PDB file of all heavy atoms in Angstrom:
ATOM      1  N   LYS A   1     -55.241 105.331  -3.792  1.00  0.00           N
ATOM      2  CA  LYS A   1     -56.273 106.299  -4.151  1.00  0.00           C
ATOM      3  C   LYS A   1     -56.805 106.947  -2.879  1.00  0.00           C
ATOM      4  O   LYS A   1     -56.739 106.336  -1.802  1.00  0.00           O
ATOM      5  CB  LYS A   1     -57.418 105.591  -4.871  1.00  0.00           C
ATOM      6  CG  LYS A   1     -57.006 104.768  -6.083  1.00  0.00           C
ATOM      7  CD  LYS A   1     -58.198 104.005  -6.647  1.00  0.00           C
ATOM      8  CE  LYS A   1     -57.800 103.166  -7.845  1.00  0.00           C
ATOM      9  NZ  LYS A   1     -58.959 102.407  -8.382  1.00  0.00           N
ATOM     10  N   PRO A   2     -57.360 108.147  -3.000  1.00  0.00           N
ATOM     11  CA  PRO A   2     -57.944 108.793  -1.805  1.00  0.00           C
ATOM     12  C   PRO A   2     -58.981 107.904  -1.116  1.00  0.00           C
ATOM     13  O   PRO A   2     -59.089 107.935   0.110  1.00  0.00           O
ATOM     14  CB  PRO A   2     -58.571 110.061  -2.373  1.00  0.00           C
ATOM     15  CG  PRO A   2     -57.718 110.392  -3.553  1.00  0.00           C
ATOM     16  CD  PRO A   2     -57.359 109.060  -4.151  1.00  0.00           C
ATOM     17  N   GLU A   3     -59.705 107.111  -1.877  1.00  0.00           N
ATOM     18  CA  GLU A   3     -60.714 106.237  -1.266  1.00  0.00           C
ATOM     19  C   GLU A   3     -60.110 105.073  -0.482  1.00  0.00           C
ATOM     20  O   GLU A   3     -60.842 104.333   0.177  1.00  0.00           O
ATOM     21  CB  GLU A   3     -61.695 105.707  -2.319  1.00  0.00           C
ATOM     22  CG  GLU A   3     -61.045 105.075  -3.531  1.00  0.00           C
ATOM     23  CD  GLU A   3     -60.923 106.046  -4.699  1.00  0.00           C
ATOM     24  OE1 GLU A   3     -60.537 107.228  -4.461  1.00  0.00           O
ATOM     25  OE2 GLU A   3     -61.197 105.621  -5.841  1.00  0.00           O
ATOM     26  N   ASP A   4     -58.808 104.902  -0.532  1.00  0.00           N
ATOM     27  CA  ASP A   4     -58.133 103.900   0.302  1.00  0.00           C
ATOM     28  C   ASP A   4     -57.867 104.420   1.713  1.00  0.00           C
ATOM     29  O   ASP A   4     -57.424 103.665   2.580  1.00  0.00           O
ATOM     30  CB  ASP A   4     -56.801 103.482  -0.324  1.00  0.00           C
ATOM     31  CG  ASP A   4     -56.971 102.750  -1.649  1.00  0.00           C
ATOM     32  OD1 ASP A   4     -57.883 101.922  -1.747  1.00  0.00           O
ATOM     33  OD2 ASP A   4     -56.184 103.028  -2.573  1.00  0.00           O
ATOM     34  N   THR A   5     -58.147 105.703   1.934  1.00  0.00           N
ATOM     35  CA  THR A   5     -57.941 106.299   3.255  1.00  0.00           C
ATOM     36  C   THR A   5     -58.812 105.613   4.300  1.00  0.00           C
ATOM     37  O   THR A   5     -60.032 105.504   4.131  1.00  0.00           O
ATOM     38  CB  THR A   5     -58.246 107.800   3.219  1.00  0.00           C
ATOM     39  OG1 THR A   5     -57.296 108.443   2.362  1.00  0.00           O
ATOM     40  CG2 THR A   5     -58.171 108.407   4.609  1.00  0.00           C
ATOM     41  N   ALA A   6     -58.186 105.129   5.366  1.00  0.00           N
ATOM     42  CA  ALA A   6     -58.907 104.401   6.416  1.00  0.00           C
ATOM     43  C   ALA A   6     -57.911 103.997   7.496  1.00  0.00           C
ATOM     44  O   ALA A   6     -56.695 104.121   7.319  1.00  0.00           O
ATOM     45  CB  ALA A   6     -59.578 103.153   5.841  1.00  0.00           C
ATOM     46  N   VAL A   7     -58.456 103.486   8.586  1.00  0.00           N
ATOM     47  CA  VAL A   7     -57.631 102.771   9.557  1.00  0.00           C
ATOM     48  C   VAL A   7     -57.582 101.322   9.111  1.00  0.00           C
ATOM     49  O   VAL A   7     -58.625 100.707   8.853  1.00  0.00           O
ATOM     50  CB  VAL A   7     -58.202 102.877  10.981  1.00  0.00           C
ATOM     51  CG1 VAL A   7     -57.353 102.048  11.951  1.00  0.00           C
ATOM     52  CG2 VAL A   7     -58.254 104.331  11.425  1.00  0.00           C
ATOM     53  N   TYR A   8     -56.374 100.786   9.001  1.00  0.00           N
ATOM     54  CA  TYR A   8     -56.182  99.412   8.546  1.00  0.00           C
ATOM     55  C   TYR A   8     -55.894  98.520   9.745  1.00  0.00           C
ATOM     56  O   TYR A   8     -55.040  98.832  10.581  1.00  0.00           O
ATOM     57  CB  TYR A   8     -55.044  99.346   7.539  1.00  0.00           C
ATOM     58  CG  TYR A   8     -55.458  99.833   6.176  1.00  0.00           C
ATOM     59  CD1 TYR A   8     -55.713 101.190   5.938  1.00  0.00           C
ATOM     60  CD2 TYR A   8     -55.612  98.946   5.111  1.00  0.00           C
ATOM     61  CE1 TYR A   8     -56.121 101.632   4.697  1.00  0.00           C
ATOM     62  CE2 TYR A   8     -56.013  99.385   3.864  1.00  0.00           C
ATOM     63  CZ  TYR A   8     -56.271 100.720   3.662  1.00  0.00           C
ATOM     64  OH  TYR A   8     -56.667 101.154   2.417  1.00  0.00           O
ATOM     65  N   TYR A   9     -56.638  97.415   9.806  1.00  0.00           N
ATOM     66  CA  TYR A   9     -56.516  96.481  10.907  1.00  0.00           C
ATOM     67  C   TYR A   9     -56.025  95.124  10.417  1.00  0.00           C
ATOM     68  O   TYR A   9     -56.481  94.630   9.387  1.00  0.00           O
ATOM     69  CB  TYR A   9     -57.860  96.280  11.600  1.00  0.00           C
ATOM     70  CG  TYR A   9     -58.413  97.513  12.267  1.00  0.00           C
ATOM     71  CD1 TYR A   9     -59.243  98.390  11.579  1.00  0.00           C
ATOM     72  CD2 TYR A   9     -58.110  97.795  13.600  1.00  0.00           C
ATOM     73  CE1 TYR A   9     -59.754  99.519  12.186  1.00  0.00           C
ATOM     74  CE2 TYR A   9     -58.625  98.930  14.221  1.00  0.00           C
ATOM     75  CZ  TYR A   9     -59.437  99.774  13.505  1.00  0.00           C
ATOM     76  OH  TYR A   9     -59.937 100.892  14.119  1.00  0.00           O
ATOM     77  N   CYS A  10     -55.158  94.546  11.196  1.00  0.00           N
ATOM     78  CA  CYS A  10     -54.698  93.186  10.967  1.00  0.00           C
ATOM     79  C   CYS A  10     -55.528  92.250  11.844  1.00  0.00           C
ATOM     80  O   CYS A  10     -55.881  92.604  12.980  1.00  0.00           O
ATOM     81  CB  CYS A  10     -53.222  93.119  11.356  1.00  0.00           C
ATOM     82  SG  CYS A  10     -52.516  91.487  11.426  1.00  0.00           S
ATOM     83  N   ALA A  11     -55.832  91.070  11.321  1.00  0.00           N
ATOM     84  CA  ALA A  11     -56.624  90.105  12.079  1.00  0.00           C
ATOM     85  C   ALA A  11     -56.061  88.707  11.885  1.00  0.00           C
ATOM     86  O   ALA A  11     -55.488  88.401  10.838  1.00  0.00           O
ATOM     87  CB  ALA A  11     -58.078  90.152  11.624  1.00  0.00           C
ATOM     88  N   SER A  12     -56.267  87.875  12.892  1.00  0.00           N
ATOM     89  CA  SER A  12     -55.776  86.502  12.827  1.00  0.00           C
ATOM     90  C   SER A  12     -56.846  85.529  13.280  1.00  0.00           C
ATOM     91  O   SER A  12     -57.575  85.799  14.236  1.00  0.00           O
ATOM     92  CB  SER A  12     -54.540  86.339  13.724  1.00  0.00           C
ATOM     93  OG  SER A  12     -54.132  84.987  13.776  1.00  0.00           O
ATOM     94  N   ARG A  13     -56.943  84.423  12.572  1.00  0.00           N
ATOM     95  CA  ARG A  13     -57.729  83.291  13.056  1.00  0.00           C
ATOM     96  C   ARG A  13     -56.723  82.202  13.375  1.00  0.00           C
ATOM     97  O   ARG A  13     -55.971  81.767  12.495  1.00  0.00           O
ATOM     98  CB  ARG A  13     -58.738  82.803  12.022  1.00  0.00           C
ATOM     99  CG  ARG A  13     -59.573  81.621  12.543  1.00  0.00           C
ATOM    100  CD  ARG A  13     -60.614  81.184  11.571  1.00  0.00           C
ATOM    101  NE  ARG A  13     -61.280  79.979  12.003  1.00  0.00           N
ATOM    102  CZ  ARG A  13     -62.446  79.970  12.642  1.00  0.00           C
ATOM    103  NH1 ARG A  13     -63.080  81.114  12.883  1.00  0.00           N
ATOM    104  NH2 ARG A  13     -62.989  78.830  13.013  1.00  0.00           N
ATOM    105  N   THR A  14     -56.716  81.781  14.627  1.00  0.00           N
ATOM    106  CA  THR A  14     -55.652  80.880  15.080  1.00  0.00           C
ATOM    107  C   THR A  14     -56.041  79.416  15.051  1.00  0.00           C
ATOM    108  O   THR A  14     -55.222  78.563  15.399  1.00  0.00           O
ATOM    109  CB  THR A  14     -55.190  81.258  16.494  1.00  0.00           C
ATOM    110  OG1 THR A  14     -56.327  81.245  17.368  1.00  0.00           O
ATOM    111  CG2 THR A  14     -54.551  82.633  16.519  1.00  0.00           C
ATOM    112  N   TYR A  15     -57.255  79.084  14.642  1.00  0.00           N
ATOM    113  CA  TYR A  15     -57.630  77.682  14.578  1.00  0.00           C
ATOM    114  C   TYR A  15     -58.362  77.423  13.268  1.00  0.00           C
ATOM    115  O   TYR A  15     -58.957  78.310  12.679  1.00  0.00           O
ATOM    116  CB  TYR A  15     -58.488  77.285  15.783  1.00  0.00           C
ATOM    117  CG  TYR A  15     -59.705  78.142  16.001  1.00  0.00           C
ATOM    118  CD1 TYR A  15     -60.957  77.775  15.522  1.00  0.00           C
ATOM    119  CD2 TYR A  15     -59.605  79.343  16.696  1.00  0.00           C
ATOM    120  CE1 TYR A  15     -62.064  78.571  15.724  1.00  0.00           C
ATOM    121  CE2 TYR A  15     -60.713  80.149  16.900  1.00  0.00           C
ATOM    122  CZ  TYR A  15     -61.937  79.756  16.419  1.00  0.00           C
ATOM    123  OH  TYR A  15     -63.027  80.547  16.617  1.00  0.00           O
ATOM    124  N   SER A  16     -58.303  76.187  12.835  1.00  0.00           N
ATOM    125  CA  SER A  16     -58.836  75.840  11.522  1.00  0.00           C
ATOM    126  C   SER A  16     -60.358  75.886  11.510  1.00  0.00           C
ATOM    127  O   SER A  16     -61.013  75.910  12.549  1.00  0.00           O
ATOM    128  CB  SER A  16     -58.346  74.457  11.087  1.00  0.00           C
ATOM    129  OG  SER A  16     -58.820  73.485  11.982  1.00  0.00           O
ATOM    130  N   SER A  17     -60.887  75.918  10.317  1.00  0.00           N
ATOM    131  CA  SER A  17     -62.329  76.025  10.149  1.00  0.00           C
ATOM    132  C   SER A  17     -62.752  75.186   8.959  1.00  0.00           C
ATOM    133  O   SER A  17     -62.011  75.069   7.989  1.00  0.00           O
ATOM    134  CB  SER A  17     -62.697  77.490   9.928  1.00  0.00           C
ATOM    135  OG  SER A  17     -64.040  77.620   9.521  1.00  0.00           O
ATOM    136  N   SER A  18     -63.934  74.621   9.033  1.00  0.00           N
ATOM    137  CA  SER A  18     -64.438  73.843   7.904  1.00  0.00           C
ATOM    138  C   SER A  18     -64.808  74.754   6.741  1.00  0.00           C
ATOM    139  O   SER A  18     -64.853  74.327   5.591  1.00  0.00           O
ATOM    140  CB  SER A  18     -65.640  73.009   8.335  1.00  0.00           C
ATOM    141  OG  SER A  18     -66.667  73.847   8.834  1.00  0.00           O
ATOM    142  N   SER A  19     -65.060  75.997   7.051  1.00  0.00           N
ATOM    143  CA  SER A  19     -65.377  76.975   6.004  1.00  0.00           C
ATOM    144  C   SER A  19     -64.455  78.175   6.136  1.00  0.00           C
ATOM    145  O   SER A  19     -64.069  78.548   7.239  1.00  0.00           O
ATOM    146  CB  SER A  19     -66.831  77.433   6.125  1.00  0.00           C
ATOM    147  OG  SER A  19     -67.713  76.348   5.986  1.00  0.00           O
ATOM    148  N   PHE A  20     -64.125  78.752   5.024  1.00  0.00           N
ATOM    149  CA  PHE A  20     -63.132  79.816   5.007  1.00  0.00           C
ATOM    150  C   PHE A  20     -63.830  81.146   4.811  1.00  0.00           C
ATOM    151  O   PHE A  20     -63.896  81.691   3.709  1.00  0.00           O
ATOM    152  CB  PHE A  20     -62.115  79.541   3.898  1.00  0.00           C
ATOM    153  CG  PHE A  20     -60.821  80.288   4.066  1.00  0.00           C
ATOM    154  CD1 PHE A  20     -60.042  80.103   5.192  1.00  0.00           C
ATOM    155  CD2 PHE A  20     -60.369  81.152   3.090  1.00  0.00           C
ATOM    156  CE1 PHE A  20     -58.845  80.777   5.356  1.00  0.00           C
ATOM    157  CE2 PHE A  20     -59.167  81.822   3.239  1.00  0.00           C
ATOM    158  CZ  PHE A  20     -58.407  81.640   4.367  1.00  0.00           C
ATOM    159  N   TYR A  21     -64.349  81.683   5.915  1.00  0.00           N
ATOM    160  CA  TYR A  21     -65.097  82.936   5.870  1.00  0.00           C
ATOM    161  C   TYR A  21     -64.157  84.124   6.033  1.00  0.00           C
ATOM    162  O   TYR A  21     -64.321  84.948   6.938  1.00  0.00           O
ATOM    163  CB  TYR A  21     -66.165  82.948   6.958  1.00  0.00           C
ATOM    164  CG  TYR A  21     -67.246  81.903   6.761  1.00  0.00           C
ATOM    165  CD1 TYR A  21     -67.425  80.885   7.692  1.00  0.00           C
ATOM    166  CD2 TYR A  21     -68.095  81.951   5.663  1.00  0.00           C
ATOM    167  CE1 TYR A  21     -68.407  79.932   7.521  1.00  0.00           C
ATOM    168  CE2 TYR A  21     -69.086  81.006   5.489  1.00  0.00           C
ATOM    169  CZ  TYR A  21     -69.235  79.991   6.417  1.00  0.00           C
ATOM    170  OH  TYR A  21     -70.218  79.064   6.246  1.00  0.00           O
ATOM    171  N   TYR A  22     -63.202  84.233   5.161  1.00  0.00           N
ATOM    172  CA  TYR A  22     -62.125  85.197   5.339  1.00  0.00           C
ATOM    173  C   TYR A  22     -62.574  86.645   5.185  1.00  0.00           C
ATOM    174  O   TYR A  22     -61.853  87.557   5.552  1.00  0.00           O
ATOM    175  CB  TYR A  22     -60.987  84.916   4.361  1.00  0.00           C
ATOM    176  CG  TYR A  22     -61.407  84.899   2.911  1.00  0.00           C
ATOM    177  CD1 TYR A  22     -61.404  86.048   2.152  1.00  0.00           C
ATOM    178  CD2 TYR A  22     -61.812  83.715   2.322  1.00  0.00           C
ATOM    179  CE1 TYR A  22     -61.787  86.034   0.825  1.00  0.00           C
ATOM    180  CE2 TYR A  22     -62.200  83.687   0.993  1.00  0.00           C
ATOM    181  CZ  TYR A  22     -62.188  84.846   0.254  1.00  0.00           C
ATOM    182  OH  TYR A  22     -62.579  84.830  -1.061  1.00  0.00           O
ATOM    183  N   THR A  23     -63.740  86.897   4.662  1.00  0.00           N
ATOM    184  CA  THR A  23     -64.221  88.273   4.525  1.00  0.00           C
ATOM    185  C   THR A  23     -65.027  88.731   5.729  1.00  0.00           C
ATOM    186  O   THR A  23     -65.420  89.887   5.801  1.00  0.00           O
ATOM    187  CB  THR A  23     -65.090  88.431   3.271  1.00  0.00           C
ATOM    188  OG1 THR A  23     -66.272  87.633   3.426  1.00  0.00           O
ATOM    189  CG2 THR A  23     -64.345  88.026   2.019  1.00  0.00           C
ATOM    190  N   VAL A  24     -65.276  87.843   6.670  1.00  0.00           N
ATOM    191  CA  VAL A  24     -66.183  88.122   7.787  1.00  0.00           C
ATOM    192  C   VAL A  24     -65.397  88.539   9.021  1.00  0.00           C
ATOM    193  O   VAL A  24     -64.514  87.802   9.485  1.00  0.00           O
ATOM    194  CB  VAL A  24     -67.050  86.887   8.108  1.00  0.00           C
ATOM    195  CG1 VAL A  24     -67.966  87.169   9.290  1.00  0.00           C
ATOM    196  CG2 VAL A  24     -67.863  86.488   6.880  1.00  0.00           C
ATOM    197  N   VAL A  25     -65.725  89.696   9.575  1.00  0.00           N
ATOM    198  CA  VAL A  25     -65.012  90.225  10.731  1.00  0.00           C
ATOM    199  C   VAL A  25     -65.023  89.231  11.888  1.00  0.00           C
ATOM    200  O   VAL A  25     -63.986  88.968  12.508  1.00  0.00           O
ATOM    201  CB  VAL A  25     -65.617  91.573  11.167  1.00  0.00           C
ATOM    202  CG1 VAL A  25     -65.081  92.004  12.526  1.00  0.00           C
ATOM    203  CG2 VAL A  25     -65.340  92.641  10.115  1.00  0.00           C
ATOM    204  N   SER A  26     -66.160  88.661  12.196  1.00  0.00           N
ATOM    205  CA  SER A  26     -66.304  87.792  13.371  1.00  0.00           C
ATOM    206  C   SER A  26     -65.623  86.433  13.214  1.00  0.00           C
ATOM    207  O   SER A  26     -65.495  85.689  14.189  1.00  0.00           O
ATOM    208  CB  SER A  26     -67.777  87.580  13.692  1.00  0.00           C
ATOM    209  OG  SER A  26     -68.438  86.971  12.586  1.00  0.00           O
ATOM    210  N   TRP A  27     -65.138  86.122  12.034  1.00  0.00           N
ATOM    211  CA  TRP A  27     -64.441  84.841  11.807  1.00  0.00           C
ATOM    212  C   TRP A  27     -63.053  84.849  12.430  1.00  0.00           C
ATOM    213  O   TRP A  27     -62.495  83.808  12.732  1.00  0.00           O
ATOM    214  CB  TRP A  27     -64.366  84.574  10.306  1.00  0.00           C
ATOM    215  CG  TRP A  27     -63.881  83.225   9.898  1.00  0.00           C
ATOM    216  CD1 TRP A  27     -64.545  82.032  10.006  1.00  0.00           C
ATOM    217  CD2 TRP A  27     -62.614  82.936   9.285  1.00  0.00           C
ATOM    218  NE1 TRP A  27     -63.769  81.018   9.503  1.00  0.00           N
ATOM    219  CE2 TRP A  27     -62.587  81.539   9.048  1.00  0.00           C
ATOM    220  CE3 TRP A  27     -61.512  83.703   8.914  1.00  0.00           C
ATOM    221  CZ2 TRP A  27     -61.488  80.910   8.449  1.00  0.00           C
ATOM    222  CZ3 TRP A  27     -60.419  83.077   8.332  1.00  0.00           C
ATOM    223  CH2 TRP A  27     -60.430  81.696   8.104  1.00  0.00           C
ATOM    224  N   TYR A  28     -62.500  86.038  12.603  1.00  0.00           N
ATOM    225  CA  TYR A  28     -61.161  86.181  13.172  1.00  0.00           C
ATOM    226  C   TYR A  28     -61.248  86.325  14.681  1.00  0.00           C
ATOM    227  O   TYR A  28     -62.177  86.948  15.200  1.00  0.00           O
ATOM    228  CB  TYR A  28     -60.464  87.398  12.562  1.00  0.00           C
ATOM    229  CG  TYR A  28     -60.247  87.262  11.071  1.00  0.00           C
ATOM    230  CD1 TYR A  28     -61.243  87.618  10.165  1.00  0.00           C
ATOM    231  CD2 TYR A  28     -59.049  86.773  10.554  1.00  0.00           C
ATOM    232  CE1 TYR A  28     -61.050  87.482   8.800  1.00  0.00           C
ATOM    233  CE2 TYR A  28     -58.851  86.645   9.186  1.00  0.00           C
ATOM    234  CZ  TYR A  28     -59.863  86.994   8.315  1.00  0.00           C
ATOM    235  OH  TYR A  28     -59.673  86.856   6.961  1.00  0.00           O
ATOM    236  N   ASN A  29     -60.283  85.784  15.405  1.00  0.00           N
ATOM    237  CA  ASN A  29     -60.354  85.839  16.859  1.00  0.00           C
ATOM    238  C   ASN A  29     -59.335  86.755  17.524  1.00  0.00           C
ATOM    239  O   ASN A  29     -59.378  86.935  18.743  1.00  0.00           O
ATOM    240  CB  ASN A  29     -60.301  84.421  17.480  1.00  0.00           C
ATOM    241  CG  ASN A  29     -59.083  83.625  17.047  1.00  0.00           C
ATOM    242  OD1 ASN A  29     -58.652  83.676  15.911  1.00  0.00           O
ATOM    243  ND2 ASN A  29     -58.539  82.842  17.966  1.00  0.00           N
ATOM    244  N   TYR A  30     -58.431  87.324  16.755  1.00  0.00           N
ATOM    245  CA  TYR A  30     -57.525  88.335  17.307  1.00  0.00           C
ATOM    246  C   TYR A  30     -57.411  89.499  16.317  1.00  0.00           C
ATOM    247  O   TYR A  30     -57.406  89.286  15.099  1.00  0.00           O
ATOM    248  CB  TYR A  30     -56.131  87.753  17.571  1.00  0.00           C
ATOM    249  CG  TYR A  30     -56.092  86.800  18.727  1.00  0.00           C
ATOM    250  CD1 TYR A  30     -56.079  85.425  18.515  1.00  0.00           C
ATOM    251  CD2 TYR A  30     -56.067  87.266  20.044  1.00  0.00           C
ATOM    252  CE1 TYR A  30     -56.051  84.537  19.575  1.00  0.00           C
ATOM    253  CE2 TYR A  30     -56.046  86.390  21.109  1.00  0.00           C
ATOM    254  CZ  TYR A  30     -56.037  85.023  20.869  1.00  0.00           C
ATOM    255  OH  TYR A  30     -56.010  84.152  21.926  1.00  0.00           O
TER     256      TYR A  30
END
């Protein structure tokens, strides 16, 4: 859809976490 227009970024968290904050930008480290 036109509203999908954006810059798309890939992110990785390379170490485990007790909580899975997968929607949070700062949770990812690369």
